[in-house]
Amino acid sequence: MGMHLSPRLVVLLVLPPLLWAANAVFARLAINSIGPLWLNALRWGLALLILLPLGWRLLATAQARARIRERWIYLGILGLIGVGAYNGLQYVALRTSTPVNVTLIASSLPLWSMIVGVAFYRVHPTRPQLIGAGLSLAGVLTVLSRGDVHVLLRIQLVEGDLLMVLGIMGWAIYSWMLARPPAHMSGPARPDWNWAEFLLAQCLFGVGIAFAAAGTGEFVAPSMTPDWNWQLIATIIFIAVGPSVIAYRSWGLAVAEAGPAMAAIFYNLTPLIAAVLSVLVIGEWPQPYHGAAFLLIVAGIFVASSRK
């Protein structure tokens, strides 16, 4: 059976790509002023401070802290992938890769989600999901190729591209781990954590990893001294609140309700929204192929969510 997309579910599915597209556009400007790994570490460090008053119960008692220790492997992996690795890899990728390549690779998420689902969870995609993923990917390729197939054929892989491939494979695993948690995180065994407590639990592990990566990265390959200005500070505040706290809350709800495959289809709106934001930030206007791409992506969403 397919799935009914309620207005509420559509908002939950669209909000993360909107905020993550903004994250990519503003981060690309920010890494001119600060090292990419430090940008990631400061983003999540600030998000942790925002989450503390929302999720303080997580650490309030010895019994509460024991619940974290009992589940440290699961929470540690979520923190490593979702907080420490994915955006750190994306920010570093923006240094050496083109925005075209980074967005192209990120849009392959539905394929990685299906591969992870088949390999580890024995979940086989339905025919509508396969067709929907193909249509959405065709739409994204239309944006990235500017409607010209020859542009795609000339794309060359660089270090940033390979880092982004690692990041998006990790994100597919992260999404499945949220949707199919282990026994101690499902049913009556799951602690009664609300969304803020659950994200805070991931941040407790991920933020340490993010700062360690930034420190190690500086030691191995020193980057620029941060150029502190109001735009950089505003960007760090925005990406800590929007793409981190709000988008992760929406993504968690959307993945749980719609499943990773459907969420991955909506994730394909990210490059389209990024193109629109680039118009507003950089001043490049959309072309006819943007319209064709949007129709393909929307068609993919409808086919994938259609009832048999």
Foldseek 3Di string as FASTA:
>chain_A
DFADCDPVLVCLLQQLLLLVLVLLQLLLVLCVFPPLLVLLLLLLVVLLVVLCVVQVVCPPDPVSVVLLVVCVVLLLLLLCQVRAQQSSLLSVLSVPPPPLLLLLLLLCLLVLLQVCCCPPVVDHADPLLVVLSVLLNVLSVLVSQVNPPVSVVPDDDDPSNVSSNVNSNSVSVSLVCLQDPDPCCDDPNNPPGDPSNSLSSSSVNNSVSSVVCVVVCCVVPNDDDGDDDPSNVVSSVSCSPRNRPVSVSSSSVSCNVNNSSLSSLSSSCNVLSSVVVCCVVVVDDDDVSSVVSVVSSVVSNCSSRDDD
